[in-house]
C-alpha atoms as a PDB file:
ATOM      1  CA  MET A   1       0.000   0.000   0.000  1.00  0.00           C
ATOM      2  CA  ARG A   2       1.374   3.370  -1.013  1.00  0.00           C
ATOM      3  CA  PHE A   3       0.627   6.632   0.723  1.00  0.00           C
ATOM      4  CA  THR A   4      -0.818   7.969  -2.542  1.00  0.00           C
ATOM      5  CA  GLU A   5      -3.671   5.428  -2.243  1.00  0.00           C
ATOM      6  CA  ILE A   6      -4.917   6.892   1.044  1.00  0.00           C
ATOM      7  CA  PRO A   7      -7.234   9.941   0.747  1.00  0.00           C
ATOM      8  CA  TYR A   8      -5.882  13.246   1.982  1.00  0.00           C
ATOM      9  CA  ILE A   9      -6.267  16.982   1.661  1.00  0.00           C
ATOM     10  CA  LYS A  10      -3.552  19.631   1.664  1.00  0.00           C
ATOM     11  CA  TYR A  11      -3.233  22.921   3.500  1.00  0.00           C
ATOM     12  CA  ARG A  12      -0.795  25.166   1.606  1.00  0.00           C
ATOM     13  CA  GLY A  13       0.946  22.103   0.225  1.00  0.00           C
ATOM     14  CA  VAL A  14       1.066  20.073   3.470  1.00  0.00           C
ATOM     15  CA  LYS A  15      -0.764  16.753   3.613  1.00  0.00           C
ATOM     16  CA  VAL A  16      -3.463  15.920   6.153  1.00  0.00           C
ATOM     17  CA  SER A  17      -4.915  12.414   5.768  1.00  0.00           C
ATOM     18  CA  ASN A  18      -8.696  12.098   5.522  1.00  0.00           C
ATOM     19  CA  VAL A  19      -8.919   9.049   7.796  1.00  0.00           C
ATOM     20  CA  SER A  20     -10.609   7.780  10.951  1.00  0.00           C
ATOM     21  CA  TYR A  21      -8.953   5.742  13.687  1.00  0.00           C
ATOM     22  CA  ARG A  22     -10.433   2.581  12.184  1.00  0.00           C
ATOM     23  CA  SER A  23      -8.757   3.389   8.872  1.00  0.00           C
ATOM     24  CA  VAL A  24      -5.443   3.898  10.669  1.00  0.00           C
ATOM     25  CA  LEU A  25      -5.774   0.547  12.441  1.00  0.00           C
ATOM     26  CA  ASN A  26      -6.606  -1.261   9.204  1.00  0.00           C
ATOM     27  CA  THR A  27      -3.777   0.437   7.298  1.00  0.00           C
ATOM     28  CA  VAL A  28      -1.139  -0.309   9.948  1.00  0.00           C
ATOM     29  CA  SER A  29      -2.319  -3.924  10.285  1.00  0.00           C
ATOM     30  CA  GLU A  30      -2.202  -4.441   6.532  1.00  0.00           C
ATOM     31  CA  MET A  31       1.287  -2.948   6.220  1.00  0.00           C
ATOM     32  CA  ILE A  32       2.591  -5.181   8.995  1.00  0.00           C
ATOM     33  CA  LYS A  33       1.026  -8.288   7.448  1.00  0.00           C
ATOM     34  CA  ARG A  34       2.814  -7.454   4.185  1.00  0.00           C
ATOM     35  CA  LYS A  35       6.074  -6.910   6.116  1.00  0.00           C
ATOM     36  CA  GLU A  36       6.359  -3.437   4.611  1.00  0.00           C
ATOM     37  CA  LYS A  37       7.984  -0.432   6.247  1.00  0.00           C
ATOM     38  CA  SER A  38       6.885   3.176   6.438  1.00  0.00           C
ATOM     39  CA  TYR A  39       6.183   5.963   8.931  1.00  0.00           C
ATOM     40  CA  ILE A  40       3.254   7.989  10.250  1.00  0.00           C
ATOM     41  CA  CYS A  41       3.244  11.650  11.312  1.00  0.00           C
ATOM     42  CA  LEU A  42       1.011  13.309  13.897  1.00  0.00           C
ATOM     43  CA  THR A  43       0.516  16.797  12.498  1.00  0.00           C
ATOM     44  CA  ASP A  44      -0.676  19.709  14.622  1.00  0.00           C
ATOM     45  CA  VAL A  45      -1.083  23.368  13.658  1.00  0.00           C
ATOM     46  CA  SER A  46       2.426  24.341  14.790  1.00  0.00           C
ATOM     47  CA  ASN A  47       4.081  21.626  12.710  1.00  0.00           C
ATOM     48  CA  LEU A  48       1.767  22.355   9.787  1.00  0.00           C
ATOM     49  CA  ILE A  49       2.702  26.039   9.663  1.00  0.00           C
ATOM     50  CA  VAL A  50       6.417  25.262  10.015  1.00  0.00           C
ATOM     51  CA  ALA A  51       6.073  22.759   7.176  1.00  0.00           C
ATOM     52  CA  THR A  52       4.558  25.389   4.860  1.00  0.00           C
ATOM     53  CA  LYS A  53       7.895  27.242   5.143  1.00  0.00           C
ATOM     54  CA  ASN A  54      10.354  24.355   5.638  1.00  0.00           C
ATOM     55  CA  SER A  55      10.769  22.107   2.595  1.00  0.00           C
ATOM     56  CA  ASP A  56      12.479  19.294   4.541  1.00  0.00           C
ATOM     57  CA  LEU A  57       9.632  19.013   7.019  1.00  0.00           C
ATOM     58  CA  ARG A  58       7.009  19.408   4.283  1.00  0.00           C
ATOM     59  CA  THR A  59       8.598  16.576   2.285  1.00  0.00           C
ATOM     60  CA  ALA A  60       8.789  14.369   5.376  1.00  0.00           C
ATOM     61  CA  ILE A  61       5.088  14.872   6.134  1.00  0.00           C
ATOM     62  CA  ASN A  62       3.945  14.542   2.520  1.00  0.00           C
ATOM     63  CA  GLU A  63       5.888  11.315   1.954  1.00  0.00           C
ATOM     64  CA  SER A  64       4.605   9.673   5.137  1.00  0.00           C
ATOM     65  CA  LEU A  65       2.131   6.825   4.995  1.00  0.00           C
ATOM     66  CA  LEU A  66      -0.299   8.954   7.011  1.00  0.00           C
ATOM     67  CA  SER A  67      -0.327  12.527   8.303  1.00  0.00           C
ATOM     68  CA  LEU A  68      -2.899  12.452  11.090  1.00  0.00           C
ATOM     69  CA  ALA A  69      -4.787  15.535  12.292  1.00  0.00           C
ATOM     70  CA  ASP A  70      -3.493  16.067  15.833  1.00  0.00           C
ATOM     71  CA  GLY A  71      -5.863  18.845  16.828  1.00  0.00           C
ATOM     72  CA  MET A  72      -9.416  19.968  16.109  1.00  0.00           C
ATOM     73  CA  PRO A  73      -8.396  23.024  14.023  1.00  0.00           C
ATOM     74  CA  LEU A  74      -7.103  20.724  11.266  1.00  0.00           C
ATOM     75  CA  VAL A  75     -10.234  18.595  11.509  1.00  0.00           C
ATOM     76  CA  TRP A  76     -12.405  21.719  11.166  1.00  0.00           C
ATOM     77  CA  TYR A  77     -10.442  22.777   8.089  1.00  0.00           C
ATOM     78  CA  ALA A  78     -10.938  19.355   6.498  1.00  0.00           C
ATOM     79  CA  TRP A  79     -14.642  19.268   7.394  1.00  0.00           C
ATOM     80  CA  MET A  80     -15.239  22.721   5.925  1.00  0.00           C
ATOM     81  CA  ALA A  81     -13.411  21.684   2.766  1.00  0.00           C
ATOM     82  CA  GLY A  82     -15.597  18.599   2.364  1.00  0.00           C
ATOM     83  CA  CYS A  83     -13.729  15.711   4.013  1.00  0.00           C
ATOM     84  CA  LYS A  84     -16.122  13.380   5.806  1.00  0.00           C
ATOM     85  CA  GLU A  85     -14.046  10.619   7.386  1.00  0.00           C
ATOM     86  CA  ILE A  86     -11.338  12.598   9.170  1.00  0.00           C
ATOM     87  CA  GLU A  87     -11.042  12.355  12.961  1.00  0.00           C
ATOM     88  CA  ARG A  88      -8.764  14.080  15.449  1.00  0.00           C
ATOM     89  CA  ILE A  89      -6.101  11.593  16.562  1.00  0.00           C
ATOM     90  CA  SER A  90      -3.549  12.607  19.191  1.00  0.00           C
ATOM     91  CA  GLY A  91      -0.315  10.739  19.786  1.00  0.00           C
ATOM     92  CA  ALA A  92      -1.285   9.649  23.298  1.00  0.00           C
ATOM     93  CA  ALA A  93      -4.737   8.450  22.212  1.00  0.00           C
ATOM     94  CA  LEU A  94      -3.270   6.614  19.237  1.00  0.00           C
ATOM     95  CA  MET A  95      -0.723   4.839  21.461  1.00  0.00           C
ATOM     96  CA  LYS A  96      -3.353   3.662  23.906  1.00  0.00           C
ATOM     97  CA  ARG A  97      -5.782   2.465  21.249  1.00  0.00           C
ATOM     98  CA  LEU A  98      -3.203   0.665  19.130  1.00  0.00           C
ATOM     99  CA  ILE A  99      -1.682  -1.012  22.185  1.00  0.00           C
ATOM    100  CA  LEU A 100      -5.137  -2.309  23.082  1.00  0.00           C
ATOM    101  CA  ASP A 101      -6.083  -3.303  19.528  1.00  0.00           C
ATOM    102  CA  MET A 102      -2.644  -4.615  18.522  1.00  0.00           C
ATOM    103  CA  HIS A 103      -1.486  -6.239  21.762  1.00  0.00           C
ATOM    104  CA  ASP A 104      -0.282  -9.333  19.873  1.00  0.00           C
ATOM    105  CA  TYR A 105       2.258  -7.263  17.930  1.00  0.00           C
ATOM    106  CA  LYS A 106       5.759  -6.188  18.961  1.00  0.00           C
ATOM    107  CA  HIS A 107       6.184  -2.567  20.053  1.00  0.00           C
ATOM    108  CA  PHE A 108       9.406  -0.561  20.416  1.00  0.00           C
ATOM    109  CA  LEU A 109       9.757   2.771  22.245  1.00  0.00           C
ATOM    110  CA  LEU A 110      12.403   5.093  20.817  1.00  0.00           C
ATOM    111  CA  GLY A 111      13.106   8.330  22.672  1.00  0.00           C
ATOM    112  CA  ASP A 112      12.749  10.040  26.049  1.00  0.00           C
ATOM    113  CA  THR A 113      14.578   8.677  29.123  1.00  0.00           C
ATOM    114  CA  GLU A 114      15.149   5.072  30.152  1.00  0.00           C
ATOM    115  CA  GLU A 115      13.044   5.723  33.250  1.00  0.00           C
ATOM    116  CA  THR A 116      10.132   6.969  31.157  1.00  0.00           C
ATOM    117  CA  ILE A 117      10.405   3.990  28.810  1.00  0.00           C
ATOM    118  CA  GLN A 118      10.167   1.571  31.736  1.00  0.00           C
ATOM    119  CA  LYS A 119       7.129   3.426  33.062  1.00  0.00           C
ATOM    120  CA  VAL A 120       5.445   3.242  29.635  1.00  0.00           C
ATOM    121  CA  ILE A 121       6.112  -0.506  29.483  1.00  0.00           C
ATOM    122  CA  ALA A 122       4.664  -0.957  32.976  1.00  0.00           C
ATOM    123  CA  GLU A 123       1.565   1.047  32.036  1.00  0.00           C
ATOM    124  CA  ALA A 124       1.168  -0.893  28.775  1.00  0.00           C
ATOM    125  CA  ASN A 125       1.284  -4.151  30.731  1.00  0.00           C
ATOM    126  CA  LYS A 126      -1.681  -2.947  32.768  1.00  0.00           C
ATOM    127  CA  LEU A 127      -3.651  -2.585  29.541  1.00  0.00           C
ATOM    128  CA  SER A 128      -2.409  -5.847  28.048  1.00  0.00           C
ATOM    129  CA  PRO A 129      -0.379  -8.125  30.363  1.00  0.00           C
ATOM    130  CA  ASN A 130       1.229 -10.133  27.561  1.00  0.00           C
ATOM    131  CA  ILE A 131       2.272  -7.221  25.335  1.00  0.00           C
ATOM    132  CA  LEU A 132       5.754  -7.435  23.816  1.00  0.00           C
ATOM    133  CA  MET A 133       7.406  -4.049  24.305  1.00  0.00           C
ATOM    134  CA  THR A 134      11.021  -2.901  24.595  1.00  0.00           C
ATOM    135  CA  GLY A 135      12.771   0.409  23.986  1.00  0.00           C
ATOM    136  CA  HIS A 136      15.876   2.554  23.761  1.00  0.00           C
ATOM    137  CA  SER A 137      16.702   6.029  25.067  1.00  0.00           C
ATOM    138  CA  PRO A 138      19.054   7.847  22.670  1.00  0.00           C
ATOM    139  CA  PRO A 139      21.277  10.719  23.875  1.00  0.00           C
ATOM    140  CA  PHE A 140      19.627  14.102  24.378  1.00  0.00           C
ATOM    141  CA  LYS A 141      21.524  15.991  21.671  1.00  0.00           C
ATOM    142  CA  GLU A 142      21.669  16.359  17.923  1.00  0.00           C
ATOM    143  CA  PHE A 143      22.159  12.830  16.665  1.00  0.00           C
ATOM    144  CA  ASP A 144      25.374  12.027  14.806  1.00  0.00           C
ATOM    145  CA  ASP A 145      25.948   9.085  12.468  1.00  0.00           C
ATOM    146  CA  GLN A 146      26.963   6.809  15.318  1.00  0.00           C
ATOM    147  CA  ASP A 147      23.802   7.642  17.286  1.00  0.00           C
ATOM    148  CA  ASN A 148      21.655   6.907  14.235  1.00  0.00           C
ATOM    149  CA  ARG A 149      23.400   3.601  13.533  1.00  0.00           C
ATOM    150  CA  CYS A 150      22.980   2.568  17.159  1.00  0.00           C
ATOM    151  CA  MET A 151      19.255   3.345  17.135  1.00  0.00           C
ATOM    152  CA  ILE A 152      18.610   1.516  13.875  1.00  0.00           C
ATOM    153  CA  GLU A 153      20.611  -1.511  15.049  1.00  0.00           C
ATOM    154  CA  LYS A 154      18.642  -1.712  18.298  1.00  0.00           C
ATOM    155  CA  VAL A 155      15.341  -1.411  16.471  1.00  0.00           C
ATOM    156  CA  LYS A 156      16.285  -4.068  13.928  1.00  0.00           C
ATOM    157  CA  ALA A 157      17.497  -6.425  16.658  1.00  0.00           C
ATOM    158  CA  ALA A 158      14.142  -6.153  18.437  1.00  0.00           C
ATOM    159  CA  LYS A 159      12.219  -6.860  15.193  1.00  0.00           C
ATOM    160  CA  PRO A 160       9.212  -4.728  16.208  1.00  0.00           C
ATOM    161  CA  ASP A 161       6.048  -4.225  14.216  1.00  0.00           C
ATOM    162  CA  ILE A 162       5.455  -0.693  15.531  1.00  0.00           C
ATOM    163  CA  ILE A 163       8.192   1.782  16.524  1.00  0.00           C
ATOM    164  CA  TRP A 164       6.932   4.686  18.656  1.00  0.00           C
ATOM    165  CA  VAL A 165       9.281   7.630  18.023  1.00  0.00           C
ATOM    166  CA  CYS A 166       9.360  10.341  20.679  1.00  0.00           C
ATOM    167  CA  PHE A 167      11.873  13.038  19.622  1.00  0.00           C
ATOM    168  CA  GLY A 168       9.512  16.018  19.499  1.00  0.00           C
ATOM    169  CA  GLY A 169       7.885  17.767  16.563  1.00  0.00           C
ATOM    170  CA  VAL A 170       9.932  18.568  13.438  1.00  0.00           C
ATOM    171  CA  LYS A 171      12.920  16.477  14.574  1.00  0.00           C
ATOM    172  CA  GLN A 172      11.065  13.164  14.619  1.00  0.00           C
ATOM    173  CA  GLU A 173       9.382  13.652  11.227  1.00  0.00           C
ATOM    174  CA  ARG A 174      12.655  14.391   9.456  1.00  0.00           C
ATOM    175  CA  TRP A 175      14.414  11.557  11.288  1.00  0.00           C
ATOM    176  CA  MET A 176      11.768   9.001  10.318  1.00  0.00           C
ATOM    177  CA  LYS A 177      11.821  10.125   6.685  1.00  0.00           C
ATOM    178  CA  LYS A 178      15.598   9.713   6.569  1.00  0.00           C
ATOM    179  CA  HIS A 179      15.879   6.385   8.378  1.00  0.00           C
ATOM    180  CA  PHE A 180      12.723   4.289   7.937  1.00  0.00           C
ATOM    181  CA  ALA A 181      14.124   2.678   4.791  1.00  0.00           C
ATOM    182  CA  SER A 182      16.969   1.214   6.887  1.00  0.00           C
ATOM    183  CA  LEU A 183      14.504  -1.021   8.728  1.00  0.00           C
ATOM    184  CA  ASP A 184      13.801  -4.577   7.660  1.00  0.00           C
ATOM    185  CA  SER A 185      10.107  -3.968   8.315  1.00  0.00           C
ATOM    186  CA  GLY A 186       7.867  -2.083  10.735  1.00  0.00           C
ATOM    187  CA  ILE A 187       5.904   1.150  10.980  1.00  0.00           C
ATOM    188  CA  MET A 188       7.426   4.177  12.707  1.00  0.00           C
ATOM    189  CA  ILE A 189       4.932   6.516  14.389  1.00  0.00           C
ATOM    190  CA  GLY A 190       6.120   9.946  15.593  1.00  0.00           C
ATOM    191  CA  VAL A 191       4.192  10.788  18.755  1.00  0.00           C
ATOM    192  CA  GLY A 192       5.973  13.763  20.346  1.00  0.00           C
ATOM    193  CA  ALA A 193       5.317  13.891  24.093  1.00  0.00           C
ATOM    194  CA  ALA A 194       2.930  10.927  24.056  1.00  0.00           C
ATOM    195  CA  PHE A 195       5.087   8.805  26.372  1.00  0.00           C
ATOM    196  CA  ARG A 196       4.628  11.377  29.173  1.00  0.00           C
ATOM    197  CA  PHE A 197       0.880  11.615  28.496  1.00  0.00           C
ATOM    198  CA  PHE A 198       0.605   7.833  28.471  1.00  0.00           C
ATOM    199  CA  ILE A 199       2.062   7.495  31.974  1.00  0.00           C
ATOM    200  CA  GLY A 200       0.137  10.487  33.324  1.00  0.00           C
ATOM    201  CA  GLU A 201       3.169  12.707  33.827  1.00  0.00           C
ATOM    202  CA  ILE A 202       1.545  15.277  31.557  1.00  0.00           C
ATOM    203  CA  VAL A 203      -2.171  15.711  32.238  1.00  0.00           C
ATOM    204  CA  THR A 204      -4.517  15.026  29.329  1.00  0.00           C
ATOM    205  CA  PRO A 205      -6.917  17.986  28.873  1.00  0.00           C
ATOM    206  CA  PRO A 206     -10.626  17.426  29.558  1.00  0.00           C
ATOM    207  CA  GLU A 207     -12.642  16.282  26.548  1.00  0.00           C
ATOM    208  CA  SER A 208     -14.474  19.623  26.420  1.00  0.00           C
ATOM    209  CA  ILE A 209     -11.152  21.484  26.057  1.00  0.00           C
ATOM    210  CA  GLN A 210     -10.040  19.117  23.301  1.00  0.00           C
ATOM    211  CA  LYS A 211     -13.270  19.563  21.354  1.00  0.00           C
ATOM    212  CA  LEU A 212     -12.784  23.330  21.452  1.00  0.00           C
ATOM    213  CA  GLY A 213      -9.298  22.902  19.954  1.00  0.00           C
ATOM    214  CA  LEU A 214      -7.673  24.425  23.029  1.00  0.00           C
ATOM    215  CA  GLN A 215      -5.609  21.479  24.275  1.00  0.00           C
ATOM    216  CA  TRP A 216      -2.468  23.396  23.291  1.00  0.00           C
ATOM    217  CA  LEU A 217      -3.441  26.244  25.648  1.00  0.00           C
ATOM    218  CA  PHE A 218      -4.153  23.788  28.464  1.00  0.00           C
ATOM    219  CA  ARG A 219      -0.737  22.184  27.989  1.00  0.00           C
ATOM    220  CA  LEU A 220       0.963  25.570  27.759  1.00  0.00           C
ATOM    221  CA  SER A 221      -0.550  26.779  31.013  1.00  0.00           C
ATOM    222  CA  GLN A 222       0.603  23.636  32.804  1.00  0.00           C
ATOM    223  CA  ALA A 223       4.084  23.938  31.322  1.00  0.00           C
ATOM    224  CA  PHE A 224       4.270  27.554  32.467  1.00  0.00           C
ATOM    225  CA  VAL A 225       3.399  26.572  36.033  1.00  0.00           C
ATOM    226  CA  ARG A 226       6.112  23.884  36.029  1.00  0.00           C
ATOM    227  CA  ASP A 227       8.877  25.963  34.452  1.00  0.00           C
ATOM    228  CA  PRO A 228       8.059  29.489  33.177  1.00  0.00           C
ATOM    229  CA  ILE A 229      11.461  30.084  31.565  1.00  0.00           C
ATOM    230  CA  GLN A 230      11.443  26.777  29.676  1.00  0.00           C
ATOM    231  CA  CYS A 231       7.843  27.379  28.638  1.00  0.00           C
ATOM    232  CA  VAL A 232       8.630  30.795  27.133  1.00  0.00           C
ATOM    233  CA  LYS A 233      11.609  29.284  25.351  1.00  0.00           C
ATOM    234  CA  LEU A 234       9.410  26.525  23.914  1.00  0.00           C
ATOM    235  CA  VAL A 235       6.786  29.025  22.713  1.00  0.00           C
ATOM    236  CA  HIS A 236       9.512  31.004  20.948  1.00  0.00           C
ATOM    237  CA  GLU A 237      11.317  28.010  19.414  1.00  0.00           C
ATOM    238  CA  ARG A 238       8.174  26.302  18.145  1.00  0.00           C
ATOM    239  CA  HIS A 239       6.413  29.538  17.116  1.00  0.00           C
ATOM    240  CA  ILE A 240       3.353  28.294  19.015  1.00  0.00           C
ATOM    241  CA  MET A 241       1.407  31.564  19.288  1.00  0.00           C
ATOM    242  CA  SER A 242       2.389  32.986  15.911  1.00  0.00           C
ATOM    243  CA  SER A 243       1.560  29.728  14.114  1.00  0.00           C
ATOM    244  CA  LYS A 244      -1.934  29.613  15.656  1.00  0.00           C
ATOM    245  CA  LEU A 245      -2.588  33.212  14.638  1.00  0.00           C
ATOM    246  CA  GLU A 246      -1.305  32.657  11.109  1.00  0.00           C
ATOM    247  CA  TYR A 247      -3.443  29.554  10.732  1.00  0.00           C
ATOM    248  CA  LEU A 248      -6.625  31.340  11.830  1.00  0.00           C
ATOM    249  CA  VAL A 249      -5.999  34.372   9.625  1.00  0.00           C
ATOM    250  CA  ARG A 250      -5.469  32.243   6.519  1.00  0.00           C
ATOM    251  CA  LEU A 251      -8.182  29.662   7.271  1.00  0.00           C
ATOM    252  CA  PRO A 252     -11.103  31.187   5.280  1.00  0.00           C
ATOM    253  CA  LEU A 253      -8.958  31.607   2.164  1.00  0.00           C
ATOM    254  CA  GLU A 254      -7.485  28.105   2.436  1.00  0.00           C
ATOM    255  CA  VAL A 255     -10.931  26.544   2.898  1.00  0.00           C
ATOM    256  CA  ALA A 256     -12.170  28.336  -0.232  1.00  0.00           C
ATOM    257  CA  ARG A 257      -9.144  27.132  -2.194  1.00  0.00           C
ATOM    258  CA  ALA A 258      -9.593  23.564  -0.950  1.00  0.00           C
ATOM    259  CA  ARG A 259     -13.277  23.538  -1.922  1.00  0.00           C
ATOM    260  CA  HIS A 260     -12.376  24.797  -5.379  1.00  0.00           C
ATOM    261  CA  ARG A 261      -9.793  22.031  -5.821  1.00  0.00           C
ATOM    262  CA  ILE A 262     -12.262  19.390  -4.644  1.00  0.00           C
ATOM    263  CA  ARG A 263     -14.944  20.636  -7.060  1.00  0.00           C
ATOM    264  CA  GLN A 264     -12.409  20.105  -9.809  1.00  0.00           C
ATOM    265  CA  ASN A 265     -11.629  16.637  -8.399  1.00  0.00           C
ATOM    266  CA  ARG A 266      -8.119  17.796  -7.418  1.00  0.00           C
ATOM    267  CA  TRP A 267      -7.775  17.081  -3.693  1.00  0.00           C
ATOM    268  CA  GLN A 268      -4.191  18.331  -3.670  1.00  0.00           C
END
């Protein structure tokens, strides 16, 4: 199965897959049965806006098997443009659901600390006692060739079906694009901070907040309470506020353009 076979829409040239969770489950299962390899991106507004200006990130997202809408604003855009199947799928929710639905498969955790990895494995065992899950914590720095070789070797040795990649937005998408072909098989899924959500270290926003598309604000407020300086640095580095504003300002025009393309049977 090629990524071009899966329906999607684009926002300023960046792919967002028109899929539900059930479609994701079926696609991942089918790829694993065929012993194929690929990667999946979780795309939120911040990453989307960066990708409209960064060709490396845009290519990484567009060449992924799936680019899932991680946030209601992208779902609203797709709905207004005419997509019917799309659902919001966060990294943490996707991890939990796939672990439950694919407990007979091998899972590998790549990223974060060794302590966090062990906590994720313990939590996963509560959901499914017989789950096969291992992991590796790479160094917290820009990866060099030796780091990359080490990670790929550890993944290949474990022979996982699903590799959960937790490097943070932008970094993980480009890393998966560059290295997924080195695997023998398996699906990489870039899930950002999902490991910390999964173990409850980061609080999941109430459902009402998520439906309003304000989970980013909930997370930001909690991060500010924990470490104001680091929070401000994160907002600046990831262009969190400016990307949200830019997205909202351009939304009406982009919806109109998307509808026009769809009327002409050109979803891209």
